[in-house]
N, C-alpha and C. Protein backbone atom coordinates (compact mmCIF):
# COMPACT_ATOMS: atom_id res chain seq x y z
N UNK A 1 -3.35 33.21 15.73
CA UNK A 1 -4.53 33.14 14.90
C UNK A 1 -5.78 33.52 15.68
N UNK A 2 -5.77 33.26 16.98
CA UNK A 2 -6.94 33.60 17.79
C UNK A 2 -7.19 35.10 17.74
N UNK A 3 -6.13 35.89 17.82
CA UNK A 3 -6.29 37.34 17.78
C UNK A 3 -6.89 37.80 16.44
N UNK A 4 -6.50 37.16 15.36
CA UNK A 4 -6.98 37.56 14.03
C UNK A 4 -8.40 37.06 13.76
N UNK A 5 -8.70 35.83 14.19
CA UNK A 5 -9.98 35.22 13.82
C UNK A 5 -11.01 35.22 14.94
N UNK A 6 -10.56 35.28 16.18
CA UNK A 6 -11.48 35.14 17.30
C UNK A 6 -11.90 33.70 17.54
N UNK A 7 -11.30 32.77 16.82
CA UNK A 7 -11.67 31.35 16.90
C UNK A 7 -10.67 30.64 17.80
N UNK A 8 -11.12 30.23 18.97
CA UNK A 8 -10.25 29.52 19.91
C UNK A 8 -10.29 28.01 19.69
N UNK A 9 -11.40 27.52 19.18
CA UNK A 9 -11.58 26.09 18.98
C UNK A 9 -12.08 25.86 17.55
N UNK A 10 -11.18 25.58 16.61
CA UNK A 10 -11.59 25.43 15.22
C UNK A 10 -12.65 24.33 15.00
N UNK A 11 -12.56 23.25 15.75
CA UNK A 11 -13.54 22.18 15.58
C UNK A 11 -14.94 22.67 15.98
N UNK A 12 -15.04 23.31 17.15
CA UNK A 12 -16.33 23.84 17.60
C UNK A 12 -16.85 24.89 16.62
N UNK A 13 -15.95 25.67 16.05
CA UNK A 13 -16.35 26.68 15.06
C UNK A 13 -16.93 26.00 13.83
N UNK A 14 -16.33 24.90 13.41
CA UNK A 14 -16.85 24.17 12.25
C UNK A 14 -18.24 23.59 12.55
N UNK A 15 -18.47 23.15 13.78
CA UNK A 15 -19.79 22.64 14.17
C UNK A 15 -20.82 23.77 14.07
N UNK A 16 -20.48 24.94 14.61
CA UNK A 16 -21.39 26.09 14.55
C UNK A 16 -21.62 26.53 13.10
N UNK A 17 -20.55 26.54 12.33
CA UNK A 17 -20.66 26.97 10.93
C UNK A 17 -21.59 26.03 10.16
N UNK A 18 -21.44 24.75 10.38
CA UNK A 18 -22.30 23.78 9.69
C UNK A 18 -23.77 24.02 10.05
N UNK A 19 -24.06 24.24 11.32
CA UNK A 19 -25.44 24.49 11.74
C UNK A 19 -26.02 25.73 11.06
N UNK A 20 -25.23 26.78 10.93
CA UNK A 20 -25.70 27.99 10.25
C UNK A 20 -25.99 27.73 8.78
N UNK A 21 -25.11 26.96 8.14
CA UNK A 21 -25.30 26.66 6.72
C UNK A 21 -26.55 25.80 6.51
N UNK A 22 -26.77 24.84 7.39
CA UNK A 22 -27.97 24.00 7.29
C UNK A 22 -29.22 24.86 7.45
N UNK A 23 -29.21 25.78 8.42
CA UNK A 23 -30.37 26.66 8.62
C UNK A 23 -30.60 27.53 7.39
N UNK A 24 -29.52 28.04 6.80
CA UNK A 24 -29.67 28.86 5.60
C UNK A 24 -30.19 28.03 4.43
N UNK A 25 -29.66 26.83 4.27
CA UNK A 25 -30.11 25.94 3.18
C UNK A 25 -31.60 25.61 3.30
N UNK A 26 -32.04 25.38 4.54
CA UNK A 26 -33.41 24.93 4.76
C UNK A 26 -34.41 26.07 4.95
N UNK A 27 -33.94 27.30 4.90
CA UNK A 27 -34.84 28.45 5.09
C UNK A 27 -35.78 28.58 3.89
N UNK A 28 -37.01 28.99 4.16
CA UNK A 28 -37.95 29.19 3.05
C UNK A 28 -37.41 30.24 2.08
N UNK A 29 -37.61 30.01 0.83
CA UNK A 29 -37.20 30.97 -0.19
C UNK A 29 -35.77 30.82 -0.69
N UNK A 30 -35.01 29.87 -0.12
CA UNK A 30 -33.65 29.66 -0.61
C UNK A 30 -33.74 29.05 -2.00
N UNK A 31 -33.08 29.69 -2.95
CA UNK A 31 -33.15 29.22 -4.33
C UNK A 31 -32.51 27.84 -4.48
N UNK A 32 -32.89 27.16 -5.51
CA UNK A 32 -32.35 25.82 -5.79
C UNK A 32 -30.84 25.87 -5.98
N UNK A 33 -30.36 26.88 -6.66
CA UNK A 33 -28.91 27.01 -6.90
C UNK A 33 -28.19 27.27 -5.59
N UNK A 34 -28.72 28.19 -4.79
CA UNK A 34 -28.12 28.49 -3.48
C UNK A 34 -28.14 27.26 -2.59
N UNK A 35 -29.23 26.51 -2.61
CA UNK A 35 -29.36 25.30 -1.80
C UNK A 35 -28.29 24.28 -2.21
N UNK A 36 -28.05 24.15 -3.50
CA UNK A 36 -27.02 23.21 -3.98
C UNK A 36 -25.63 23.65 -3.53
N UNK A 37 -25.35 24.94 -3.61
CA UNK A 37 -24.05 25.46 -3.18
C UNK A 37 -23.86 25.24 -1.68
N UNK A 38 -24.89 25.53 -0.91
CA UNK A 38 -24.80 25.32 0.54
C UNK A 38 -24.63 23.84 0.86
N UNK A 39 -25.29 22.98 0.10
CA UNK A 39 -25.14 21.54 0.31
C UNK A 39 -23.71 21.09 0.12
N UNK A 40 -23.03 21.63 -0.88
CA UNK A 40 -21.61 21.28 -1.11
C UNK A 40 -20.76 21.72 0.08
N UNK A 41 -20.99 22.92 0.57
CA UNK A 41 -20.22 23.41 1.71
C UNK A 41 -20.50 22.57 2.96
N UNK A 42 -21.73 22.17 3.15
CA UNK A 42 -22.09 21.33 4.29
C UNK A 42 -21.40 19.98 4.19
N UNK A 43 -21.37 19.40 3.01
CA UNK A 43 -20.69 18.10 2.83
C UNK A 43 -19.20 18.20 3.14
N UNK A 44 -18.58 19.29 2.77
CA UNK A 44 -17.16 19.49 3.10
C UNK A 44 -16.96 19.57 4.61
N UNK A 45 -17.86 20.26 5.29
CA UNK A 45 -17.77 20.34 6.74
C UNK A 45 -18.06 18.99 7.39
N UNK A 46 -18.93 18.20 6.79
CA UNK A 46 -19.20 16.86 7.31
C UNK A 46 -17.91 16.03 7.32
N UNK A 47 -17.11 16.16 6.26
CA UNK A 47 -15.83 15.46 6.20
C UNK A 47 -14.94 15.91 7.36
N UNK A 48 -14.89 17.20 7.58
CA UNK A 48 -14.06 17.76 8.65
C UNK A 48 -14.53 17.28 10.02
N UNK A 49 -15.81 17.24 10.22
CA UNK A 49 -16.33 16.88 11.54
C UNK A 49 -16.17 15.40 11.86
N UNK A 50 -16.02 14.58 10.84
CA UNK A 50 -15.74 13.16 11.09
C UNK A 50 -14.30 12.93 11.56
N UNK A 51 -13.42 13.91 11.26
CA UNK A 51 -12.01 13.75 11.60
C UNK A 51 -11.45 15.11 12.04
N UNK A 52 -11.37 15.36 13.35
CA UNK A 52 -10.88 16.66 13.82
C UNK A 52 -9.47 17.02 13.35
N UNK A 53 -8.70 16.04 12.87
CA UNK A 53 -7.35 16.32 12.35
C UNK A 53 -7.39 16.67 10.85
N UNK A 54 -8.58 16.73 10.27
CA UNK A 54 -8.71 17.03 8.85
C UNK A 54 -8.23 18.45 8.55
N UNK A 55 -7.71 18.64 7.36
CA UNK A 55 -7.18 19.96 6.97
C UNK A 55 -8.25 21.05 7.03
N UNK A 56 -9.50 20.71 6.88
CA UNK A 56 -10.58 21.70 6.93
C UNK A 56 -10.72 22.29 8.33
N UNK A 57 -10.14 21.60 9.32
CA UNK A 57 -10.15 22.10 10.70
C UNK A 57 -8.78 22.69 11.05
N UNK A 58 -7.72 21.93 10.86
CA UNK A 58 -6.40 22.36 11.34
C UNK A 58 -5.84 23.53 10.54
N UNK A 59 -6.23 23.69 9.29
CA UNK A 59 -5.72 24.82 8.51
C UNK A 59 -6.13 26.16 9.10
N UNK A 60 -7.17 26.15 9.92
CA UNK A 60 -7.60 27.40 10.54
C UNK A 60 -6.61 27.86 11.60
N UNK A 61 -5.69 27.00 12.02
CA UNK A 61 -4.69 27.39 13.01
C UNK A 61 -3.30 27.55 12.39
N UNK A 62 -3.16 27.21 11.12
CA UNK A 62 -1.86 27.26 10.46
C UNK A 62 -1.42 28.69 10.19
N UNK A 63 -0.13 28.93 10.34
CA UNK A 63 0.45 30.24 10.07
C UNK A 63 1.74 30.04 9.28
N UNK A 64 1.90 30.81 8.23
CA UNK A 64 3.16 30.83 7.48
C UNK A 64 3.74 32.23 7.61
N UNK A 65 5.02 32.30 7.91
CA UNK A 65 5.68 33.59 8.07
C UNK A 65 6.67 33.81 6.92
N UNK A 66 6.73 35.04 6.45
CA UNK A 66 7.60 35.40 5.34
C UNK A 66 8.37 36.66 5.69
N UNK A 67 9.60 36.75 5.20
CA UNK A 67 10.44 37.92 5.41
C UNK A 67 11.48 37.92 4.31
N UNK A 68 11.38 38.88 3.39
CA UNK A 68 12.34 38.89 2.28
C UNK A 68 12.47 40.29 1.70
N UNK A 69 13.59 40.52 1.01
CA UNK A 69 13.78 41.82 0.35
C UNK A 69 13.05 41.85 -0.98
N UNK A 70 12.66 43.05 -1.38
CA UNK A 70 12.05 43.26 -2.69
C UNK A 70 13.07 43.94 -3.58
N UNK A 71 13.28 43.37 -4.75
CA UNK A 71 14.21 43.95 -5.72
C UNK A 71 13.42 44.39 -6.94
N UNK A 72 14.01 45.19 -7.76
CA UNK A 72 13.35 45.65 -8.96
C UNK A 72 13.16 47.15 -8.91
N UNK A 73 12.68 47.67 -9.99
CA UNK A 73 12.49 49.12 -10.09
C UNK A 73 11.20 49.53 -9.38
N UNK A 74 11.31 50.35 -8.33
CA UNK A 74 10.09 50.81 -7.64
C UNK A 74 9.35 51.84 -8.49
N UNK A 75 8.09 51.93 -8.25
CA UNK A 75 7.25 52.93 -8.91
C UNK A 75 6.74 53.87 -7.83
N UNK A 76 7.06 55.14 -7.95
CA UNK A 76 6.66 56.13 -6.96
C UNK A 76 5.50 56.95 -7.50
N UNK A 77 4.51 57.20 -6.63
CA UNK A 77 3.31 57.91 -7.07
C UNK A 77 3.12 59.25 -6.37
N UNK A 78 4.17 59.81 -5.84
CA UNK A 78 4.03 61.11 -5.19
C UNK A 78 5.23 61.38 -4.29
N UNK A 79 5.26 62.60 -3.77
CA UNK A 79 6.35 63.02 -2.90
C UNK A 79 6.03 62.70 -1.45
N UNK A 80 7.09 62.50 -0.66
CA UNK A 80 6.95 62.28 0.78
C UNK A 80 7.15 63.61 1.49
N UNK A 81 6.58 63.77 2.67
CA UNK A 81 6.74 65.03 3.40
C UNK A 81 8.15 65.19 3.97
N UNK A 82 8.52 66.39 4.29
CA UNK A 82 9.77 66.68 4.97
C UNK A 82 11.02 66.47 4.15
N UNK A 83 10.90 66.48 2.86
CA UNK A 83 12.08 66.30 2.01
C UNK A 83 12.60 64.86 1.98
N UNK A 84 11.85 63.94 2.51
CA UNK A 84 12.27 62.54 2.48
C UNK A 84 12.02 61.95 1.10
N UNK A 85 12.85 60.98 0.77
CA UNK A 85 12.63 60.24 -0.47
C UNK A 85 13.06 58.80 -0.26
N UNK A 86 12.42 57.88 -0.93
CA UNK A 86 12.81 56.47 -0.77
C UNK A 86 14.23 56.25 -1.28
N UNK A 87 14.94 55.40 -0.60
CA UNK A 87 16.28 54.98 -1.03
C UNK A 87 16.07 53.92 -2.10
N UNK A 88 16.37 54.29 -3.33
CA UNK A 88 16.14 53.37 -4.45
C UNK A 88 17.29 52.39 -4.67
N UNK A 89 18.37 52.54 -3.89
CA UNK A 89 19.52 51.65 -4.03
C UNK A 89 19.51 50.52 -2.99
N UNK A 90 18.68 50.64 -2.00
CA UNK A 90 18.62 49.62 -0.94
C UNK A 90 17.33 48.82 -1.12
N UNK A 91 17.42 47.48 -1.04
CA UNK A 91 16.19 46.69 -1.18
C UNK A 91 15.16 47.05 -0.10
N UNK A 92 13.93 47.08 -0.49
CA UNK A 92 12.84 47.27 0.46
C UNK A 92 12.51 45.90 1.03
N UNK A 93 12.08 45.85 2.27
CA UNK A 93 11.85 44.57 2.95
C UNK A 93 10.36 44.41 3.25
N UNK A 94 9.86 43.22 2.98
CA UNK A 94 8.47 42.90 3.31
C UNK A 94 8.47 41.75 4.31
N UNK A 95 7.70 41.90 5.37
CA UNK A 95 7.57 40.90 6.42
C UNK A 95 6.08 40.71 6.67
N UNK A 96 5.60 39.48 6.56
CA UNK A 96 4.18 39.25 6.78
C UNK A 96 3.91 37.80 7.14
N UNK A 97 2.70 37.57 7.65
CA UNK A 97 2.25 36.21 7.90
C UNK A 97 0.91 36.02 7.21
N UNK A 98 0.67 34.78 6.84
CA UNK A 98 -0.60 34.38 6.26
C UNK A 98 -1.07 33.17 7.05
N UNK A 99 -2.36 33.08 7.27
CA UNK A 99 -2.86 31.92 7.99
C UNK A 99 -4.35 31.98 8.20
N UNK A 100 -4.81 31.07 9.05
CA UNK A 100 -6.22 31.02 9.37
C UNK A 100 -7.08 30.70 8.17
N UNK A 101 -6.57 29.85 7.28
CA UNK A 101 -7.30 29.53 6.06
C UNK A 101 -8.61 28.84 6.41
N UNK A 102 -9.71 29.39 5.94
CA UNK A 102 -11.04 28.83 6.16
C UNK A 102 -11.54 28.28 4.83
N UNK A 103 -11.47 26.97 4.64
CA UNK A 103 -11.85 26.41 3.35
C UNK A 103 -13.35 26.50 3.07
N UNK A 104 -14.15 26.77 4.09
CA UNK A 104 -15.59 26.89 3.86
C UNK A 104 -15.93 28.19 3.13
N UNK A 105 -15.42 29.30 3.63
CA UNK A 105 -15.73 30.57 2.99
C UNK A 105 -14.61 31.07 2.09
N UNK A 106 -13.63 30.20 1.86
CA UNK A 106 -12.52 30.50 0.94
C UNK A 106 -11.84 31.82 1.27
N UNK A 107 -11.42 31.95 2.52
CA UNK A 107 -10.72 33.16 2.92
C UNK A 107 -9.61 32.80 3.90
N UNK A 108 -8.71 33.71 4.07
CA UNK A 108 -7.63 33.57 5.03
C UNK A 108 -7.26 34.95 5.53
N UNK A 109 -6.26 34.99 6.36
CA UNK A 109 -5.83 36.25 6.95
C UNK A 109 -4.39 36.51 6.55
N UNK A 110 -4.07 37.79 6.49
CA UNK A 110 -2.71 38.20 6.15
C UNK A 110 -2.44 39.50 6.90
N UNK A 111 -1.23 39.61 7.44
CA UNK A 111 -0.86 40.83 8.14
C UNK A 111 0.64 41.02 7.99
N UNK A 112 1.08 42.24 7.76
CA UNK A 112 2.51 42.46 7.64
C UNK A 112 2.89 43.90 7.44
N UNK A 113 4.15 44.08 7.09
CA UNK A 113 4.71 45.41 6.92
C UNK A 113 5.64 45.46 5.71
N UNK A 114 5.66 46.61 5.10
CA UNK A 114 6.63 46.91 4.07
C UNK A 114 7.54 47.99 4.64
N UNK A 115 8.83 47.70 4.71
CA UNK A 115 9.81 48.67 5.23
C UNK A 115 10.51 49.32 4.05
N UNK A 116 10.36 50.63 3.95
CA UNK A 116 10.97 51.39 2.87
C UNK A 116 12.07 52.25 3.45
N UNK A 117 13.33 52.00 3.07
CA UNK A 117 14.42 52.85 3.56
C UNK A 117 14.29 54.26 2.95
N UNK A 118 14.55 55.26 3.78
CA UNK A 118 14.38 56.64 3.33
C UNK A 118 15.69 57.41 3.38
N UNK A 119 15.78 58.44 2.58
CA UNK A 119 16.91 59.37 2.58
C UNK A 119 16.37 60.78 2.76
N UNK A 120 17.19 61.61 3.36
CA UNK A 120 16.81 63.03 3.50
C UNK A 120 17.34 63.80 2.32
């Protein structure tokens, strides 16, 4: 997860994130609606900072790995170079990981591959 997020210490990252949100909330010209939204995010981080084992912290290091075949009728949108064509009789395989869930900005990371068997 460090390679994907650049975050080596999720707790310290949450401390920095909270400080940035407080500065944004308290900046002149922040609308009332934006201030309320930022306040909610800050309160969630306050929960996390009271307990370093809270999911708002540890989920940033969590990784789930997946590897499975894809079945069903493929949809092809063009020709492949060199006379190659996908093998429509062999399952295609997808392998990926998901992780680094950041509950503050509602995002996570995903990386993987789709392996398509080919025929000449």
